[in-house]
Amino acid sequence: MTQTEVERGSYIVNNVAMCPECHTPRLANGQLDPQRPLDGAPEFFQPPHPDADWPLKAPRIGGNPPANDQDIVKLLMTGIWTDGKPLRLPMMPFRMNEADARAVVAYLHSVKQMH
């Protein structure tokens, strides 16, 4: 993991994929909690119909992602999770190239929780 990879990953996560919008908890005023970046958060998007298979929480991805690096890279390149299935909406099925996916993983590992 190089500083260049971390910076590239930060740009992708924070300015392109907009991961904090779902994966960072919010304060009472609705702003993202700067003390808990990418720490997982209740899902604020609601399903399009009541019987949709919809997650209730976006998982923590910062610091220690919920799978090994190769599985996260695979997810970011293919949209397929460790169980061989696509992730459920509202998670976007990213199709990053390998260099971008590895940069994202490098950045996710660099995120420190401040609580």
Protein backbone atom coordinates (compact mmCIF):
# COMPACT_ATOMS: atom_id res chain seq x y z
CA MET A 1 0.00 0.00 0.00
CA THR A 2 1.55 3.25 -1.13
CA GLN A 3 0.55 6.79 -0.23
CA THR A 4 -0.41 7.33 -3.88
CA GLU A 5 -2.78 4.33 -3.73
CA VAL A 6 -4.34 5.60 -0.49
CA GLU A 7 -4.86 9.07 -2.00
CA ARG A 8 -6.35 7.59 -5.19
CA GLY A 9 -8.61 5.33 -3.09
CA SER A 10 -9.70 8.30 -0.96
CA TYR A 11 -10.70 10.20 -4.08
CA ILE A 12 -12.71 7.25 -5.42
CA VAL A 13 -14.42 6.51 -2.09
CA ASN A 14 -15.22 10.09 -1.12
CA ASN A 15 -15.73 11.86 -4.46
CA VAL A 16 -16.78 9.24 -7.01
CA ALA A 17 -18.49 6.30 -5.29
CA MET A 18 -19.69 8.52 -2.42
CA CYS A 19 -19.38 5.62 0.07
CA PRO A 20 -19.67 7.82 3.21
CA GLU A 21 -23.25 8.77 2.28
CA CYS A 22 -24.44 5.29 3.29
CA HIS A 23 -21.56 3.80 5.29
CA THR A 24 -20.97 6.68 7.75
CA PRO A 25 -23.37 7.31 10.66
CA ARG A 26 -25.10 10.67 10.84
CA LEU A 27 -25.31 13.15 13.68
CA ALA A 28 -28.68 14.34 15.02
CA ASN A 29 -28.54 17.26 12.56
CA GLY A 30 -28.22 14.87 9.60
CA GLN A 31 -24.55 15.61 8.90
CA LEU A 32 -22.06 12.76 8.54
CA ASP A 33 -20.31 11.98 11.83
CA PRO A 34 -16.65 12.96 11.26
CA GLN A 35 -15.62 10.87 14.28
CA ARG A 36 -16.95 7.64 12.71
CA PRO A 37 -16.00 7.59 9.01
CA LEU A 38 -17.22 4.49 7.16
CA ASP A 39 -18.18 2.88 10.49
CA GLY A 40 -21.49 1.45 9.23
CA ALA A 41 -24.87 3.12 9.54
CA PRO A 42 -28.60 2.47 9.47
CA GLU A 43 -29.87 2.43 5.91
CA PHE A 44 -31.72 5.64 5.15
CA PHE A 45 -32.83 4.59 1.67
CA GLN A 46 -36.16 2.81 1.81
CA PRO A 47 -37.13 -0.10 -0.48
CA PRO A 48 -39.33 0.64 -3.49
CA HIS A 49 -41.97 -1.77 -2.15
CA PRO A 50 -42.51 -3.29 1.33
CA ASP A 51 -41.53 -6.88 0.48
CA ALA A 52 -38.16 -5.96 -1.07
CA ASP A 53 -35.08 -7.81 0.21
CA TRP A 54 -33.43 -4.68 1.57
CA PRO A 55 -30.61 -4.41 4.12
CA LEU A 56 -31.32 -2.43 7.28
CA LYS A 57 -27.72 -1.35 7.81
CA ALA A 58 -24.79 -0.44 5.61
CA PRO A 59 -21.80 -2.33 7.06
CA ARG A 60 -18.60 -0.87 8.44
CA ILE A 61 -16.05 -0.72 5.65
CA GLY A 62 -13.45 1.62 7.13
CA GLY A 63 -10.37 0.40 9.01
CA ASN A 64 -11.06 -3.31 8.77
CA PRO A 65 -13.36 -4.14 5.84
CA PRO A 66 -15.83 -7.04 6.27
CA ALA A 67 -13.90 -9.43 4.01
CA ASN A 68 -10.31 -10.10 2.98
CA ASP A 69 -8.63 -7.78 0.49
CA GLN A 70 -9.04 -10.11 -2.49
CA ASP A 71 -12.76 -10.53 -1.81
CA ILE A 72 -13.24 -6.75 -1.57
CA VAL A 73 -11.30 -6.28 -4.82
CA LYS A 74 -13.51 -8.94 -6.46
CA LEU A 75 -16.64 -7.21 -5.15
CA LEU A 76 -15.53 -3.84 -6.50
CA MET A 77 -14.65 -5.34 -9.89
CA THR A 78 -17.65 -7.65 -10.35
CA GLY A 79 -20.39 -6.68 -7.89
CA ILE A 80 -20.25 -10.25 -6.47
CA TRP A 81 -19.93 -10.87 -2.71
CA THR A 82 -18.13 -13.73 -0.94
CA ASP A 83 -21.24 -15.95 -1.17
CA GLY A 84 -21.14 -15.74 -4.98
CA LYS A 85 -24.23 -13.52 -5.14
CA PRO A 86 -24.60 -9.89 -6.21
CA LEU A 87 -25.04 -7.44 -3.35
CA ARG A 88 -28.57 -6.28 -2.68
CA LEU A 89 -29.82 -2.83 -3.52
CA PRO A 90 -29.26 -0.08 -2.65
CA MET A 91 -25.57 -1.05 -2.94
CA MET A 92 -24.35 -0.16 -6.40
CA PRO A 93 -22.78 -2.97 -8.47
CA PHE A 94 -19.44 -1.32 -9.14
CA ARG A 95 -17.25 -2.46 -12.04
CA MET A 96 -13.91 -0.91 -11.14
CA ASN A 97 -10.67 -1.90 -12.78
CA GLU A 98 -8.23 -3.77 -10.56
CA ALA A 99 -5.96 -0.78 -9.87
CA ASP A 100 -8.90 1.33 -8.69
CA ALA A 101 -10.28 -1.51 -6.58
CA ARG A 102 -6.89 -2.06 -4.90
CA ALA A 103 -6.59 1.69 -4.26
CA VAL A 104 -10.00 1.66 -2.58
CA VAL A 105 -8.94 -1.26 -0.36
CA ALA A 106 -5.72 0.58 0.56
CA TYR A 107 -7.75 3.64 1.54
CA LEU A 108 -10.32 1.62 3.52
CA HIS A 109 -7.49 0.11 5.58
CA SER A 110 -6.13 3.61 6.26
CA VAL A 111 -9.40 4.93 7.75
CA LYS A 112 -9.15 5.34 11.51
CA GLN A 113 -12.15 5.58 13.80
CA MET A 114 -11.88 8.44 16.31
CA HIS A 115 -14.33 7.18 18.94
